[in-house]
Amino acid sequence: MFNTLENLIELARERKTTPLEGSYTNKLLKDKSLSKAKVLEEVDELIEAVEENSNKIHEAADVFYHLLMYLEANDIKIEDVMSELEKRKKWVTMKIIFLQRF
């Protein structure tokens, strides 16, 4: 299941080094303004879909794709994001253990 996300990240990195003519992914990677606009648009569409209880999965997939492209376009590595989330998890765990002692 998570292979799909890994494949999208690999695709983005491959397209950055070896662009494909006419590729939508390349357009997002090259045009940071477009990439930003698409993330904002897709998040809005997801929120609307959730509120209307329609097309939620489709819109969530669009958010993931566009967010990954936005991160790659801005040289933000998903590995660094995951590392930050892991640090936060450890901090929350330590806080819970601390609070349980008192």
N, C-alpha and C. Protein backbone atom coordinates (compact mmCIF):
# COMPACT_ATOMS: atom_id res chain seq x y z
N MET A 1 0.83 -1.20 0.00
CA MET A 1 0.00 0.00 0.00
C MET A 1 0.87 1.26 0.00
N PHE A 2 1.84 1.32 0.90
CA PHE A 2 2.69 2.50 0.95
C PHE A 2 3.70 2.54 -0.19
N ASN A 3 3.78 1.45 -0.94
CA ASN A 3 4.64 1.44 -2.12
C ASN A 3 4.20 2.49 -3.12
N THR A 4 2.91 2.77 -3.16
CA THR A 4 2.39 3.77 -4.09
C THR A 4 2.97 5.14 -3.77
N LEU A 5 3.04 5.49 -2.48
CA LEU A 5 3.65 6.77 -2.10
C LEU A 5 5.13 6.79 -2.44
N GLU A 6 5.81 5.69 -2.16
CA GLU A 6 7.23 5.60 -2.51
C GLU A 6 7.42 5.75 -4.02
N ASN A 7 6.54 5.13 -4.80
CA ASN A 7 6.63 5.24 -6.26
C ASN A 7 6.41 6.67 -6.74
N LEU A 8 5.48 7.40 -6.10
CA LEU A 8 5.25 8.80 -6.46
C LEU A 8 6.48 9.65 -6.16
N ILE A 9 7.10 9.39 -5.03
CA ILE A 9 8.32 10.13 -4.66
C ILE A 9 9.43 9.82 -5.65
N GLU A 10 9.60 8.55 -5.98
CA GLU A 10 10.62 8.16 -6.97
C GLU A 10 10.33 8.81 -8.32
N LEU A 11 9.05 8.83 -8.72
CA LEU A 11 8.67 9.46 -9.97
C LEU A 11 9.06 10.94 -9.98
N ALA A 12 8.73 11.64 -8.91
CA ALA A 12 9.06 13.07 -8.82
C ALA A 12 10.56 13.28 -8.94
N ARG A 13 11.33 12.50 -8.23
CA ARG A 13 12.79 12.66 -8.26
C ARG A 13 13.37 12.29 -9.61
N GLU A 14 12.80 11.29 -10.23
CA GLU A 14 13.24 10.90 -11.57
C GLU A 14 12.92 12.01 -12.57
N ARG A 15 11.74 12.59 -12.48
CA ARG A 15 11.34 13.64 -13.41
C ARG A 15 12.15 14.91 -13.21
N LYS A 16 12.62 15.13 -11.98
CA LYS A 16 13.47 16.30 -11.75
C LYS A 16 14.80 16.15 -12.48
N THR A 17 15.32 14.94 -12.50
CA THR A 17 16.61 14.71 -13.15
C THR A 17 16.47 14.41 -14.64
N THR A 18 15.35 13.77 -15.02
CA THR A 18 15.10 13.41 -16.41
C THR A 18 13.68 13.82 -16.77
N PRO A 19 13.50 15.10 -17.10
CA PRO A 19 12.14 15.58 -17.42
C PRO A 19 11.54 14.87 -18.64
N LEU A 20 10.24 14.72 -18.60
CA LEU A 20 9.51 14.12 -19.72
C LEU A 20 8.65 15.22 -20.33
N GLU A 21 8.82 15.45 -21.61
CA GLU A 21 8.09 16.49 -22.33
C GLU A 21 6.59 16.33 -22.15
N GLY A 22 5.92 17.42 -21.76
CA GLY A 22 4.48 17.42 -21.61
C GLY A 22 3.96 16.81 -20.32
N SER A 23 4.86 16.44 -19.43
CA SER A 23 4.47 15.78 -18.18
C SER A 23 3.88 16.79 -17.19
N TYR A 24 2.69 16.46 -16.67
CA TYR A 24 2.06 17.29 -15.64
C TYR A 24 2.93 17.34 -14.39
N THR A 25 3.51 16.20 -14.05
CA THR A 25 4.41 16.15 -12.89
C THR A 25 5.55 17.14 -13.07
N ASN A 26 6.14 17.18 -14.26
CA ASN A 26 7.22 18.14 -14.53
C ASN A 26 6.76 19.58 -14.40
N LYS A 27 5.55 19.86 -14.86
CA LYS A 27 5.02 21.22 -14.73
C LYS A 27 4.95 21.62 -13.26
N LEU A 28 4.47 20.71 -12.42
CA LEU A 28 4.37 21.01 -10.99
C LEU A 28 5.75 21.18 -10.35
N LEU A 29 6.70 20.36 -10.76
CA LEU A 29 8.04 20.43 -10.19
C LEU A 29 8.80 21.68 -10.61
N LYS A 30 8.52 22.17 -11.81
CA LYS A 30 9.22 23.35 -12.32
C LYS A 30 8.57 24.66 -11.89
N ASP A 31 7.26 24.66 -11.78
CA ASP A 31 6.52 25.88 -11.48
C ASP A 31 6.00 25.84 -10.04
N LYS A 32 6.78 26.42 -9.14
CA LYS A 32 6.43 26.37 -7.72
C LYS A 32 5.12 27.09 -7.41
N SER A 33 4.81 28.13 -8.16
CA SER A 33 3.54 28.84 -7.97
C SER A 33 2.36 27.95 -8.34
N LEU A 34 2.49 27.24 -9.45
CA LEU A 34 1.45 26.30 -9.86
C LEU A 34 1.30 25.20 -8.82
N SER A 35 2.42 24.67 -8.37
CA SER A 35 2.40 23.60 -7.38
C SER A 35 1.71 24.05 -6.10
N LYS A 36 2.03 25.23 -5.64
CA LYS A 36 1.40 25.78 -4.43
C LYS A 36 -0.10 25.96 -4.65
N ALA A 37 -0.47 26.53 -5.78
CA ALA A 37 -1.88 26.76 -6.08
C ALA A 37 -2.66 25.45 -6.12
N LYS A 38 -2.06 24.42 -6.68
CA LYS A 38 -2.74 23.12 -6.78
C LYS A 38 -2.92 22.49 -5.40
N VAL A 39 -1.92 22.61 -4.53
CA VAL A 39 -2.08 22.07 -3.17
C VAL A 39 -3.25 22.76 -2.48
N LEU A 40 -3.29 24.08 -2.55
CA LEU A 40 -4.38 24.83 -1.91
C LEU A 40 -5.73 24.46 -2.50
N GLU A 41 -5.78 24.35 -3.82
CA GLU A 41 -7.03 23.98 -4.50
C GLU A 41 -7.50 22.59 -4.09
N GLU A 42 -6.57 21.65 -4.07
CA GLU A 42 -6.94 20.27 -3.76
C GLU A 42 -7.35 20.11 -2.30
N VAL A 43 -6.73 20.84 -1.39
CA VAL A 43 -7.14 20.79 0.02
C VAL A 43 -8.56 21.33 0.16
N ASP A 44 -8.85 22.42 -0.52
CA ASP A 44 -10.21 22.97 -0.50
C ASP A 44 -11.22 21.95 -1.04
N GLU A 45 -10.86 21.29 -2.13
CA GLU A 45 -11.75 20.30 -2.72
C GLU A 45 -11.96 19.11 -1.79
N LEU A 46 -10.91 18.72 -1.07
CA LEU A 46 -11.05 17.62 -0.11
C LEU A 46 -11.99 18.01 1.03
N ILE A 47 -11.81 19.20 1.55
CA ILE A 47 -12.68 19.67 2.64
C ILE A 47 -14.13 19.68 2.18
N GLU A 48 -14.37 20.19 0.99
CA GLU A 48 -15.73 20.22 0.44
C GLU A 48 -16.28 18.81 0.27
N ALA A 49 -15.46 17.90 -0.24
CA ALA A 49 -15.90 16.52 -0.44
C ALA A 49 -16.25 15.85 0.88
N VAL A 50 -15.45 16.12 1.91
CA VAL A 50 -15.74 15.54 3.23
C VAL A 50 -17.05 16.10 3.77
N GLU A 51 -17.23 17.41 3.64
CA GLU A 51 -18.45 18.03 4.14
C GLU A 51 -19.69 17.54 3.40
N GLU A 52 -19.54 17.25 2.11
CA GLU A 52 -20.66 16.78 1.30
C GLU A 52 -20.74 15.26 1.24
N ASN A 53 -19.77 14.60 1.86
CA ASN A 53 -19.69 13.13 1.86
C ASN A 53 -19.72 12.55 0.45
N SER A 54 -18.88 13.14 -0.42
CA SER A 54 -18.78 12.64 -1.78
C SER A 54 -17.35 12.80 -2.30
N ASN A 55 -16.89 11.85 -3.06
CA ASN A 55 -15.58 11.95 -3.72
C ASN A 55 -14.40 12.11 -2.77
N LYS A 56 -14.56 11.72 -1.51
CA LYS A 56 -13.52 11.95 -0.50
C LYS A 56 -12.20 11.26 -0.85
N ILE A 57 -12.27 10.03 -1.28
CA ILE A 57 -11.06 9.26 -1.58
C ILE A 57 -10.32 9.87 -2.77
N HIS A 58 -11.06 10.20 -3.79
CA HIS A 58 -10.47 10.82 -4.99
C HIS A 58 -9.76 12.13 -4.62
N GLU A 59 -10.41 12.96 -3.85
CA GLU A 59 -9.84 14.25 -3.48
C GLU A 59 -8.65 14.08 -2.52
N ALA A 60 -8.73 13.10 -1.63
CA ALA A 60 -7.60 12.84 -0.72
C ALA A 60 -6.38 12.39 -1.52
N ALA A 61 -6.60 11.57 -2.54
CA ALA A 61 -5.50 11.13 -3.40
C ALA A 61 -4.88 12.33 -4.12
N ASP A 62 -5.72 13.24 -4.59
CA ASP A 62 -5.21 14.45 -5.25
C ASP A 62 -4.34 15.27 -4.29
N VAL A 63 -4.78 15.37 -3.02
CA VAL A 63 -4.01 16.13 -2.03
C VAL A 63 -2.64 15.49 -1.84
N PHE A 64 -2.61 14.17 -1.65
CA PHE A 64 -1.33 13.48 -1.46
C PHE A 64 -0.39 13.72 -2.64
N TYR A 65 -0.90 13.52 -3.85
CA TYR A 65 -0.07 13.68 -5.04
C TYR A 65 0.49 15.10 -5.13
N HIS A 66 -0.39 16.09 -5.01
CA HIS A 66 0.06 17.47 -5.18
C HIS A 66 0.96 17.92 -4.04
N LEU A 67 0.71 17.45 -2.82
CA LEU A 67 1.58 17.79 -1.71
C LEU A 67 2.97 17.20 -1.90
N LEU A 68 3.03 15.95 -2.34
CA LEU A 68 4.34 15.34 -2.60
C LEU A 68 5.10 16.10 -3.68
N MET A 69 4.41 16.52 -4.73
CA MET A 69 5.07 17.28 -5.80
C MET A 69 5.54 18.64 -5.28
N TYR A 70 4.72 19.27 -4.45
CA TYR A 70 5.08 20.57 -3.88
C TYR A 70 6.32 20.44 -2.99
N LEU A 71 6.35 19.40 -2.17
CA LEU A 71 7.52 19.19 -1.31
C LEU A 71 8.77 18.98 -2.16
N GLU A 72 8.68 18.12 -3.14
CA GLU A 72 9.84 17.86 -4.01
C GLU A 72 10.26 19.10 -4.79
N ALA A 73 9.30 19.87 -5.25
CA ALA A 73 9.61 21.09 -6.00
C ALA A 73 10.40 22.08 -5.15
N ASN A 74 10.17 22.01 -3.84
CA ASN A 74 10.82 22.93 -2.91
C ASN A 74 11.94 22.26 -2.12
N ASP A 75 12.42 21.13 -2.63
CA ASP A 75 13.55 20.39 -2.04
C ASP A 75 13.32 20.04 -0.57
N ILE A 76 12.09 19.70 -0.26
CA ILE A 76 11.75 19.21 1.08
C ILE A 76 11.60 17.70 0.94
N LYS A 77 12.50 16.97 1.55
CA LYS A 77 12.50 15.52 1.41
C LYS A 77 11.50 14.88 2.36
N ILE A 78 10.73 13.96 1.83
CA ILE A 78 9.74 13.26 2.65
C ILE A 78 10.42 12.52 3.80
N GLU A 79 11.65 12.09 3.58
CA GLU A 79 12.39 11.41 4.64
C GLU A 79 12.59 12.34 5.84
N ASP A 80 12.84 13.62 5.56
CA ASP A 80 13.01 14.59 6.64
C ASP A 80 11.69 14.85 7.36
N VAL A 81 10.60 14.86 6.61
CA VAL A 81 9.28 15.05 7.21
C VAL A 81 8.96 13.85 8.12
N MET A 82 9.25 12.65 7.64
CA MET A 82 8.99 11.45 8.44
C MET A 82 9.86 11.44 9.70
N SER A 83 11.08 11.89 9.57
CA SER A 83 11.98 11.97 10.73
C SER A 83 11.43 12.94 11.77
N GLU A 84 10.90 14.06 11.30
CA GLU A 84 10.30 15.04 12.22
C GLU A 84 9.08 14.45 12.92
N LEU A 85 8.26 13.71 12.20
CA LEU A 85 7.11 13.07 12.81
C LEU A 85 7.54 12.03 13.85
N GLU A 86 8.60 11.30 13.54
CA GLU A 86 9.12 10.31 14.49
C GLU A 86 9.61 10.99 15.78
N LYS A 87 10.29 12.13 15.64
CA LYS A 87 10.73 12.89 16.82
C LYS A 87 9.54 13.31 17.67
N ARG A 88 8.50 13.75 17.01
CA ARG A 88 7.31 14.20 17.73
C ARG A 88 6.64 13.05 18.46
N LYS A 89 6.63 11.89 17.84
CA LYS A 89 6.05 10.71 18.48
C LYS A 89 6.82 10.39 19.76
N LYS A 90 8.14 10.45 19.69
CA LYS A 90 8.97 10.18 20.87
C LYS A 90 8.70 11.20 21.96
N TRP A 91 8.55 12.46 21.57
CA TRP A 91 8.29 13.51 22.55
C TRP A 91 6.95 13.29 23.25
N VAL A 92 5.94 12.93 22.49
CA VAL A 92 4.62 12.68 23.08
C VAL A 92 4.68 11.49 24.03
N THR A 93 5.37 10.44 23.63
CA THR A 93 5.52 9.26 24.48
C THR A 93 6.23 9.62 25.78
N MET A 94 7.29 10.40 25.69
CA MET A 94 8.02 10.81 26.90
C MET A 94 7.13 11.66 27.79
N LYS A 95 6.34 12.52 27.22
CA LYS A 95 5.46 13.38 27.98
C LYS A 95 4.39 12.56 28.72
N ILE A 96 3.84 11.58 28.04
CA ILE A 96 2.83 10.70 28.66
C ILE A 96 3.45 9.94 29.84
N ILE A 97 4.64 9.40 29.64
CA ILE A 97 5.31 8.67 30.72
C ILE A 97 5.57 9.60 31.88
N PHE A 98 6.02 10.80 31.63
CA PHE A 98 6.29 11.78 32.68
C PHE A 98 5.02 12.11 33.45
N LEU A 99 3.93 12.35 32.71
CA LEU A 99 2.67 12.72 33.37
C LEU A 99 2.08 11.57 34.19
N GLN A 100 2.31 10.34 33.76
CA GLN A 100 1.80 9.18 34.49
C GLN A 100 2.50 9.01 35.83
N ARG A 101 3.70 9.50 35.94
CA ARG A 101 4.45 9.38 37.20
C ARG A 101 3.94 10.34 38.26
N PHE A 102 3.25 11.38 37.84
CA PHE A 102 2.80 12.38 38.80
C PHE A 102 1.34 12.43 38.88
